[in-house]
Amino acid sequence: MLGPPRPSADTAGEVGALRLVALALALCVLLASTAAALPLAAAPTDAADAVAPVQPVEPADNTTARLVLPAGDDRTSDFYTARLDVAGSTAAQTARIHGRYVTVELREEFAAAETDEERRRVVETTATEIDERLTELESRQETALSSYVAGDLSAGGLLRELVAVHTAARALETTVNQLYTYDRAVGTPVPPTEIARLKSRIIPLQGPVRDRVASALRTEGESARVYVVASGNGLVLSTVAEGDFSTQYVREALYRDGFDDSFSDRPITLDTFRDRMEELYPWVFGTDPPTDTVLTSEPYYLNAGVYGIAINHPQGTVSDRDLVVYYDASTDEVFYEVQRQDVSTLPTRVLANATDDGLLLTLRGTHADGPLAVEVRNATTGERVDATVTLNGDTLGTTGGDGLWTVAPRGTFVVTAETGDGNVTASVTNV
């Protein structure tokens, strides 16, 4: 069901004031009637005992902060390499066709309507259909994540489900934008706030890593190796891929408790939003010059209490969307984030150096689920050596002349480099 329209700021203020007066009177009556029953001295509440709000944006030195799953959450993680998959591709195509059908149906019915009243009914009916379809997609994603965390669904099965949801959500986004145009043309029978809420619900259902997986599932010869981390409260998908100008690390993260899907938001100004982003991502906003764009395209996210920003920075991938952040004013938290980084610009630390059979294996990394560099050299001369690399037994490829980049998993993992002259192995524990 579409949520109720939000009161204006003036109305909300009046209602809030009346509620405070009523609450104060009620408290006076309560205190007067129960004072005799109270102990002579009540122990004060220790502020230290108060539970601090969860803020899952984790700071970092000399690079951008990132959205993480809250500490303490039980996590399930694994790698999956997506390749041509007829079943997975067909499921995504079906979802795409379904989504496009809603758009085509809206256009055809709106064009065929002969009166404004008929057009208004088309708009209202379509809004209801989109709402129901989004509910289905949200449930499908929720079920897939829960099944994966419970061990009932593989990483591959989860990603195929996420790709189908992603594909359908992208198609529905087109429909929502078209609905907004038609809605304004006939006097907004569906309040713009409601359409903004529909658009906001699409955000957690899609992302660039899912898009890369979708491409791999339908394209012969293409592959996408993805590291999946999921919990009852969110999802992180990470991959490393060759871009047009650089090797790119792409990451999308969803923190579900950060999104208030009942939209009981507290509106803020765009300046306040930007100030909040500067607090959470200080390195990005400290770069010279920082370039950012507040995402306010119609229908406006902020009408639903959701605020978005896209930023480019020196460690990005020649894009104006190196960092994309969506924030919910009612929870005061980031609930969705996308990172695109050029791996060659990232600050890394040596995680392991191992020597065997005249070979030196060096592993450099950033953080768990972050980029991992694998280099193999001749232990005596220091010259780079071409080696086949495996991580926990899975073959990643060869180092070539420039080394190899992959994603570092959580926990303990083992990397082995094999050459015709010998092998070398290193073990790392990542948190």
Protein backbone atom coordinates (compact mmCIF):
# COMPACT_ATOMS: atom_id res chain seq x y z
CA MET A 1 0.00 0.00 0.00
CA LEU A 2 1.20 3.51 -0.67
CA GLY A 3 1.98 5.39 2.54
CA PRO A 4 -0.09 8.38 3.71
CA PRO A 5 0.97 11.84 2.54
CA ARG A 6 3.35 13.67 4.85
CA PRO A 7 2.03 16.84 6.58
CA SER A 8 3.61 20.15 5.72
CA ALA A 9 6.35 21.55 7.95
CA ASP A 10 3.94 24.16 9.43
CA THR A 11 1.20 21.62 10.13
CA ALA A 12 3.70 19.17 11.55
CA GLY A 13 4.99 21.88 13.90
CA GLU A 14 1.51 22.72 15.18
CA VAL A 15 0.61 19.09 15.71
CA GLY A 16 3.93 18.49 17.45
CA ALA A 17 3.35 21.43 19.81
CA LEU A 18 -0.14 20.22 20.73
CA ARG A 19 1.19 16.74 21.36
CA LEU A 20 3.88 18.12 23.68
CA VAL A 21 1.29 20.07 25.71
CA ALA A 22 -0.93 17.00 26.00
CA LEU A 23 2.03 14.86 26.99
CA ALA A 24 3.12 17.35 29.67
CA LEU A 25 -0.38 17.41 31.20
CA ALA A 26 -0.55 13.63 31.17
CA LEU A 27 2.84 13.37 32.87
CA CYS A 28 1.77 15.82 35.58
CA VAL A 29 -1.30 13.71 36.39
CA LEU A 30 0.76 10.54 36.36
CA LEU A 31 3.46 11.93 38.63
CA ALA A 32 0.92 13.36 41.09
CA SER A 33 -0.89 10.04 41.39
CA THR A 34 2.21 7.90 41.81
CA ALA A 35 4.61 10.10 43.77
CA ALA A 36 3.78 8.38 47.08
CA ALA A 37 4.71 5.03 45.65
CA LEU A 38 8.13 6.16 44.47
CA PRO A 39 11.26 5.36 46.51
CA LEU A 40 12.84 8.27 48.36
CA ALA A 41 15.89 8.16 46.07
CA ALA A 42 15.91 6.71 42.59
CA ALA A 43 19.16 5.65 41.00
CA PRO A 44 19.99 7.98 38.09
CA THR A 45 20.29 6.50 34.63
CA ASP A 46 23.94 6.15 33.66
CA ALA A 47 24.44 7.81 30.28
CA ALA A 48 27.18 5.29 29.59
CA ASP A 49 24.56 2.53 29.70
CA ALA A 50 22.63 4.08 26.83
CA VAL A 51 22.99 2.20 23.58
CA ALA A 52 24.88 4.28 21.04
CA PRO A 53 23.20 4.53 17.65
CA VAL A 54 24.60 2.24 15.00
CA GLN A 55 26.46 4.13 12.30
CA PRO A 56 27.88 1.63 9.85
CA VAL A 57 29.96 4.11 7.83
CA GLU A 58 33.50 3.09 8.76
CA PRO A 59 36.26 5.72 8.52
CA ALA A 60 39.57 5.04 6.79
CA ASP A 61 42.97 6.70 6.52
CA ASN A 62 43.91 8.42 3.26
CA THR A 63 40.93 7.06 1.39
CA THR A 64 37.15 7.16 1.43
CA ALA A 65 35.10 5.83 4.31
CA ARG A 66 32.75 2.99 3.42
CA LEU A 67 29.41 1.54 4.42
CA VAL A 68 29.86 -1.77 6.27
CA LEU A 69 27.59 -4.33 7.88
CA PRO A 70 27.23 -3.57 11.61
CA ALA A 71 29.70 -5.25 13.94
CA GLY A 72 28.27 -8.27 15.66
CA ASP A 73 26.03 -9.33 12.80
CA ASP A 74 26.44 -12.97 11.78
CA ARG A 75 27.79 -12.92 8.25
CA THR A 76 27.79 -15.42 5.43
CA SER A 77 30.32 -14.91 2.65
CA ASP A 78 31.61 -16.61 -0.46
CA PHE A 79 32.94 -16.03 -3.96
CA TYR A 80 30.98 -16.68 -7.12
CA THR A 81 32.17 -16.37 -10.69
CA ALA A 82 29.34 -15.52 -13.06
CA ARG A 83 29.57 -16.82 -16.62
CA LEU A 84 27.13 -17.49 -19.44
CA ASP A 85 24.09 -19.04 -17.79
CA VAL A 86 20.96 -19.71 -19.82
CA ALA A 87 18.68 -20.11 -16.80
CA GLY A 88 20.00 -17.03 -15.04
CA SER A 89 19.86 -14.96 -18.21
CA THR A 90 16.32 -16.11 -18.95
CA ALA A 91 15.13 -15.17 -15.45
CA ALA A 92 16.62 -11.70 -15.86
CA GLN A 93 15.10 -11.30 -19.31
CA THR A 94 11.68 -12.31 -17.98
CA ALA A 95 11.99 -9.71 -15.23
CA ARG A 96 13.02 -7.08 -17.79
CA ILE A 97 10.06 -7.85 -20.05
CA HIS A 98 7.63 -7.69 -17.13
CA GLY A 99 8.99 -4.31 -16.10
CA ARG A 100 8.85 -2.90 -19.62
CA TYR A 101 5.29 -4.16 -20.05
CA VAL A 102 4.13 -1.92 -17.19
CA THR A 103 5.69 1.09 -18.93
CA VAL A 104 4.20 0.24 -22.32
CA GLU A 105 0.81 -0.39 -20.75
CA LEU A 106 0.92 3.00 -19.00
CA ARG A 107 1.77 4.83 -22.21
CA GLU A 108 -0.83 3.04 -24.30
CA GLU A 109 -3.65 3.42 -21.77
CA PHE A 110 -2.83 7.05 -21.11
CA ALA A 111 -2.80 7.82 -24.85
CA ALA A 112 -6.10 5.95 -25.38
CA ALA A 113 -7.90 7.75 -22.55
CA GLU A 114 -10.33 10.34 -23.88
CA THR A 115 -10.87 12.48 -20.78
CA ASP A 116 -8.74 13.80 -17.95
CA GLU A 117 -10.79 11.72 -15.53
CA GLU A 118 -9.87 8.56 -17.45
CA ARG A 119 -6.22 9.62 -17.55
CA ARG A 120 -6.26 10.21 -13.81
CA ARG A 121 -7.60 6.69 -13.27
CA VAL A 122 -4.79 5.32 -15.46
CA VAL A 123 -2.23 7.15 -13.33
CA GLU A 124 -3.76 5.95 -10.06
CA THR A 125 -4.04 2.37 -11.27
CA THR A 126 -0.45 2.35 -12.48
CA ALA A 127 0.81 3.71 -9.15
CA THR A 128 -0.96 0.86 -7.38
CA GLU A 129 0.54 -1.69 -9.81
CA ILE A 130 4.05 -0.31 -9.26
CA ASP A 131 3.57 -0.42 -5.50
CA GLU A 132 2.47 -4.06 -5.67
CA ARG A 133 5.31 -4.97 -8.01
CA LEU A 134 7.88 -3.32 -5.74
CA THR A 135 6.47 -5.23 -2.79
CA GLU A 136 6.99 -8.46 -4.75
CA LEU A 137 10.59 -7.53 -5.60
CA GLU A 138 11.37 -6.49 -2.02
CA SER A 139 9.99 -9.81 -0.79
CA ARG A 140 11.97 -11.73 -3.38
CA GLN A 141 15.22 -10.01 -2.38
CA GLU A 142 14.44 -10.48 1.31
CA THR A 143 13.75 -14.19 0.82
CA ALA A 144 16.94 -14.70 -1.20
CA LEU A 145 19.11 -12.95 1.39
CA SER A 146 17.52 -14.85 4.28
CA SER A 147 17.97 -18.17 2.47
CA TYR A 148 21.62 -17.40 1.72
CA VAL A 149 22.41 -16.41 5.30
CA ALA A 150 20.66 -19.56 6.54
CA GLY A 151 22.76 -21.71 4.20
CA ASP A 152 19.82 -22.79 2.07
CA LEU A 153 20.94 -20.87 -1.04
CA SER A 154 24.37 -20.74 -2.67
CA ALA A 155 26.19 -17.53 -3.55
CA GLY A 156 25.42 -18.24 -7.20
CA GLY A 157 21.74 -18.75 -6.45
CA LEU A 158 21.64 -15.52 -4.47
CA LEU A 159 23.28 -13.52 -7.25
CA ARG A 160 20.93 -14.91 -9.88
CA GLU A 161 17.98 -13.81 -7.74
CA LEU A 162 19.53 -10.39 -7.15
CA VAL A 163 20.13 -9.95 -10.87
CA ALA A 164 16.48 -10.72 -11.65
CA VAL A 165 15.36 -8.22 -9.00
CA HIS A 166 17.88 -5.65 -10.27
CA THR A 167 16.70 -6.00 -13.86
CA ALA A 168 13.05 -5.64 -12.95
CA ALA A 169 13.79 -2.65 -10.70
CA ARG A 170 15.62 -0.81 -13.47
CA ALA A 171 12.66 -1.28 -15.78
CA LEU A 172 10.27 -0.06 -13.07
CA GLU A 173 12.39 3.05 -12.55
CA THR A 174 11.57 4.05 -16.13
CA THR A 175 7.89 3.50 -15.38
CA VAL A 176 8.04 5.64 -12.24
CA ASN A 177 9.63 8.52 -14.17
CA GLN A 178 6.94 8.23 -16.87
CA LEU A 179 4.22 8.07 -14.22
CA TYR A 180 5.51 11.29 -12.66
CA THR A 181 5.27 13.09 -16.01
CA TYR A 182 1.71 11.92 -16.65
CA ASP A 183 0.68 12.61 -13.06
CA ARG A 184 1.66 16.27 -13.33
CA ALA A 185 -0.14 16.54 -16.66
CA VAL A 186 -3.51 15.66 -15.10
CA GLY A 187 -3.33 17.55 -11.81
CA THR A 188 -1.31 15.09 -9.65
CA PRO A 189 -4.04 12.63 -8.61
CA VAL A 190 -1.16 10.68 -7.06
CA PRO A 191 0.72 13.04 -4.71
CA PRO A 192 4.34 13.63 -5.83
CA THR A 193 5.44 12.47 -2.37
CA GLU A 194 3.98 9.04 -3.10
CA ILE A 195 5.79 8.80 -6.41
CA ALA A 196 9.04 9.84 -4.72
CA ARG A 197 8.50 7.03 -2.22
CA LEU A 198 8.12 4.53 -5.07
CA LYS A 199 11.34 5.80 -6.61
CA SER A 200 13.18 5.59 -3.27
CA ARG A 201 12.16 1.96 -2.78
CA ILE A 202 13.94 1.07 -6.02
CA ILE A 203 17.35 2.19 -4.69
CA PRO A 204 18.15 -0.93 -2.58
CA LEU A 205 17.04 -3.27 -5.38
CA GLN A 206 19.77 -2.57 -7.93
CA GLY A 207 23.46 -1.81 -8.28
CA PRO A 208 26.55 -1.81 -10.54
CA VAL A 209 27.96 -5.14 -9.33
CA ARG A 210 24.64 -6.83 -10.08
CA ASP A 211 24.74 -5.15 -13.48
CA ARG A 212 28.16 -6.70 -14.19
CA VAL A 213 26.88 -10.10 -13.13
CA ALA A 214 23.84 -9.68 -15.39
CA SER A 215 26.13 -8.93 -18.34
CA ALA A 216 28.29 -11.99 -17.62
CA LEU A 217 25.24 -14.29 -17.37
CA ARG A 218 24.11 -13.37 -20.89
CA THR A 219 27.46 -12.86 -22.68
CA GLU A 220 29.62 -15.72 -23.92
CA GLY A 221 33.26 -15.37 -22.95
CA GLU A 222 32.57 -12.78 -20.24
CA SER A 223 32.92 -13.43 -16.52
CA ALA A 224 32.53 -11.57 -13.24
CA ARG A 225 34.06 -12.85 -10.01
CA VAL A 226 32.09 -11.42 -7.09
CA TYR A 227 32.65 -11.59 -3.36
CA VAL A 228 29.37 -11.76 -1.44
CA VAL A 229 28.95 -10.80 2.21
CA ALA A 230 25.44 -10.91 3.68
CA SER A 231 23.80 -10.78 7.07
CA GLY A 232 20.31 -10.42 8.41
CA ASN A 233 20.79 -6.68 8.10
CA GLY A 234 22.46 -6.11 4.77
CA LEU A 235 24.56 -7.04 1.80
CA VAL A 236 27.96 -6.18 0.32
CA LEU A 237 28.95 -7.15 -3.23
CA SER A 238 32.52 -6.51 -4.43
CA THR A 239 34.36 -7.19 -7.67
CA VAL A 240 37.51 -6.20 -9.56
CA ALA A 241 37.26 -5.69 -13.30
CA GLU A 242 39.21 -4.15 -16.14
CA GLY A 243 37.82 -0.76 -17.13
CA ASP A 244 38.53 1.38 -20.16
CA PHE A 245 41.42 3.19 -18.45
CA SER A 246 42.22 1.24 -15.30
CA THR A 247 41.62 -1.82 -13.17
CA GLN A 248 38.51 -0.97 -11.16
CA TYR A 249 37.24 -2.03 -7.79
CA VAL A 250 33.44 -1.81 -7.67
CA ARG A 251 31.49 -2.26 -4.46
CA GLU A 252 27.84 -1.87 -3.53
CA ALA A 253 26.63 -2.02 0.06
CA LEU A 254 23.14 -2.13 1.56
CA TYR A 255 22.35 -1.52 5.24
CA ARG A 256 18.68 -2.41 5.57
CA ASP A 257 18.02 -0.87 9.01
CA GLY A 258 19.20 2.46 7.65
CA PHE A 259 16.15 2.68 5.38
CA ASP A 260 12.81 3.65 6.88
CA ASP A 261 10.34 2.08 4.45
CA SER A 262 7.43 3.57 6.40
CA PHE A 263 8.79 7.01 5.42
CA SER A 264 8.28 8.62 8.81
CA ASP A 265 11.03 11.04 7.92
CA ARG A 266 12.12 14.38 9.29
CA PRO A 267 12.86 16.72 6.37
CA ILE A 268 16.23 18.47 6.35
CA THR A 269 17.82 21.06 4.10
CA LEU A 270 20.25 20.11 1.38
CA ASP A 271 22.95 22.08 3.21
CA THR A 272 22.33 20.00 6.34
CA PHE A 273 22.53 16.83 4.26
CA ARG A 274 25.81 17.86 2.67
CA ASP A 275 27.24 18.75 6.10
CA ARG A 276 26.29 15.27 7.30
CA MET A 277 28.08 13.70 4.35
CA GLU A 278 31.21 15.73 5.14
CA GLU A 279 31.13 14.30 8.66
CA LEU A 280 30.83 10.72 7.42
CA TYR A 281 33.21 10.96 4.44
CA PRO A 282 35.83 13.52 5.53
CA TRP A 283 38.62 12.34 3.22
CA VAL A 284 36.45 12.62 0.12
CA PHE A 285 35.31 16.13 0.96
CA GLY A 286 38.84 17.09 1.93
CA THR A 287 40.27 16.40 -1.51
CA ASP A 288 41.15 19.38 -3.66
CA PRO A 289 38.87 20.21 -5.26
CA PRO A 290 36.01 17.96 -4.13
CA THR A 291 33.33 17.62 -6.79
CA ASP A 292 29.87 16.49 -5.77
CA THR A 293 26.35 16.54 -7.13
CA VAL A 294 23.31 16.25 -4.90
CA LEU A 295 20.94 13.81 -6.60
CA THR A 296 17.68 15.73 -6.83
CA SER A 297 16.28 14.65 -10.21
CA GLU A 298 12.51 14.47 -10.48
CA PRO A 299 10.60 12.86 -8.89
CA TYR A 300 12.62 14.20 -5.99
CA TYR A 301 13.99 11.64 -3.53
CA LEU A 302 13.94 14.26 -0.81
CA ASN A 303 10.13 14.34 -0.96
CA ALA A 304 10.37 10.89 0.58
CA GLY A 305 12.96 11.91 3.16
CA VAL A 306 15.73 10.25 1.14
CA TYR A 307 18.80 12.18 0.04
CA GLY A 308 21.44 11.12 -2.49
CA ILE A 309 24.84 12.45 -3.51
CA ALA A 310 27.37 11.48 -6.20
CA ILE A 311 31.03 12.41 -5.81
CA ASN A 312 34.19 12.01 -7.81
CA HIS A 313 37.62 11.97 -6.15
CA PRO A 314 41.32 11.33 -6.94
CA GLN A 315 41.11 7.58 -6.25
CA GLY A 316 38.09 7.13 -8.51
CA THR A 317 37.65 5.83 -12.02
CA VAL A 318 37.33 9.00 -14.12
CA SER A 319 33.65 9.16 -13.27
CA ASP A 320 31.31 11.61 -11.59
CA ARG A 321 29.93 8.66 -9.61
CA ASP A 322 33.05 7.34 -7.86
CA LEU A 323 31.13 7.45 -4.60
CA VAL A 324 27.33 7.38 -4.51
CA VAL A 325 25.59 7.66 -1.15
CA TYR A 326 21.92 7.45 -0.20
CA TYR A 327 20.91 8.68 3.24
CA ASP A 328 17.60 8.49 5.13
CA ALA A 329 16.89 11.58 7.23
CA SER A 330 14.54 9.70 9.56
CA THR A 331 17.19 7.16 10.61
CA ASP A 332 20.10 9.61 10.20
CA GLU A 333 22.01 6.82 8.49
CA VAL A 334 23.41 5.87 5.12
CA PHE A 335 21.48 2.89 3.82
CA TYR A 336 23.00 2.36 0.38
CA GLU A 337 26.41 3.12 -1.09
CA VAL A 338 28.37 2.50 -4.29
CA GLN A 339 32.16 2.77 -4.56
CA ARG A 340 34.15 2.84 -7.82
CA GLN A 341 37.93 3.03 -7.36
CA ASP A 342 41.09 2.79 -9.44
CA VAL A 343 43.07 0.10 -7.61
CA SER A 344 46.43 1.61 -8.57
CA THR A 345 45.65 4.77 -6.56
CA LEU A 346 44.61 3.09 -3.30
CA PRO A 347 46.82 3.05 -0.20
CA THR A 348 47.66 -0.58 0.57
CA ARG A 349 49.66 -2.41 3.21
CA VAL A 350 51.71 -5.59 2.93
CA LEU A 351 49.62 -8.48 4.25
CA ALA A 352 52.16 -11.23 3.57
CA ASN A 353 55.59 -11.94 2.12
CA ALA A 354 56.43 -15.59 1.46
CA THR A 355 59.49 -17.16 -0.17
CA ASP A 356 59.86 -20.66 -1.60
CA ASP A 357 61.49 -22.32 -4.63
CA GLY A 358 63.32 -19.08 -5.39
CA LEU A 359 60.04 -17.15 -5.63
CA LEU A 360 58.82 -14.20 -3.56
CA LEU A 361 55.04 -13.87 -3.18
CA THR A 362 53.80 -10.51 -1.91
CA LEU A 363 50.19 -9.77 -1.00
CA ARG A 364 49.09 -6.15 -0.53
CA GLY A 365 45.60 -5.19 0.54
CA THR A 366 43.28 -2.55 1.93
CA HIS A 367 40.48 -4.14 3.98
CA ALA A 368 38.37 -7.28 4.06
CA ASP A 369 36.20 -7.38 0.89
CA GLY A 370 38.58 -4.77 -0.56
CA PRO A 371 41.15 -4.97 -3.39
CA LEU A 372 44.02 -7.44 -3.01
CA ALA A 373 47.20 -7.23 -5.11
CA VAL A 374 49.19 -10.40 -5.83
CA GLU A 375 52.80 -10.01 -7.01
CA VAL A 376 55.35 -12.72 -7.72
CA ARG A 377 59.06 -11.99 -8.19
CA ASN A 378 62.31 -13.84 -8.49
CA ALA A 379 63.55 -13.91 -4.89
CA THR A 380 67.12 -13.19 -5.97
CA THR A 381 66.83 -10.69 -8.82
CA GLY A 382 63.55 -9.05 -7.92
CA GLU A 383 62.25 -9.45 -11.47
CA ARG A 384 58.53 -10.06 -11.89
CA VAL A 385 57.53 -13.64 -12.62
CA ASP A 386 54.42 -14.80 -14.48
CA ALA A 387 52.58 -17.24 -12.21
CA THR A 388 49.18 -18.89 -12.01
CA VAL A 389 47.39 -17.77 -8.85
CA THR A 390 44.84 -19.63 -6.75
CA LEU A 391 42.95 -18.34 -3.71
CA ASN A 392 41.63 -21.05 -1.40
CA GLY A 393 42.03 -23.47 -4.31
CA ASP A 394 40.11 -21.37 -6.86
CA THR A 395 42.14 -20.33 -9.90
CA LEU A 396 42.12 -16.54 -10.37
CA GLY A 397 44.38 -16.17 -13.41
CA THR A 398 48.00 -15.21 -14.00
CA THR A 399 50.06 -12.37 -12.62
CA GLY A 400 51.60 -11.41 -15.97
CA GLY A 401 54.01 -8.50 -15.88
CA ASP A 402 51.93 -6.22 -13.68
CA GLY A 403 50.62 -8.56 -11.01
CA LEU A 404 47.02 -9.57 -10.39
CA TRP A 405 44.19 -7.85 -8.53
CA THR A 406 41.29 -9.61 -6.83
CA VAL A 407 39.03 -9.14 -3.79
CA ALA A 408 40.32 -10.09 -0.36
CA PRO A 409 37.87 -12.30 1.55
CA ARG A 410 37.22 -12.12 5.27
CA GLY A 411 38.86 -14.52 7.67
CA THR A 412 41.85 -16.69 6.87
CA PHE A 413 42.67 -17.37 3.22
CA VAL A 414 45.53 -18.99 1.33
CA VAL A 415 47.10 -17.74 -1.90
CA THR A 416 49.36 -19.96 -3.99
CA ALA A 417 51.45 -18.92 -6.99
CA GLU A 418 52.53 -21.70 -9.34
CA THR A 419 55.22 -21.55 -12.02
CA GLY A 420 57.11 -24.08 -14.08
CA ASP A 421 60.04 -23.73 -11.67
CA GLY A 422 58.19 -24.00 -8.37
CA ASN A 423 55.39 -22.83 -6.12
CA VAL A 424 55.03 -20.41 -3.23
CA THR A 425 52.16 -20.06 -0.74
CA ALA A 426 51.10 -17.36 1.71
CA SER A 427 48.36 -17.39 4.35
CA VAL A 428 46.56 -14.26 5.55
CA THR A 429 43.98 -13.58 8.25
CA ASN A 430 41.78 -10.64 7.30
CA VAL A 431 39.15 -8.96 9.47
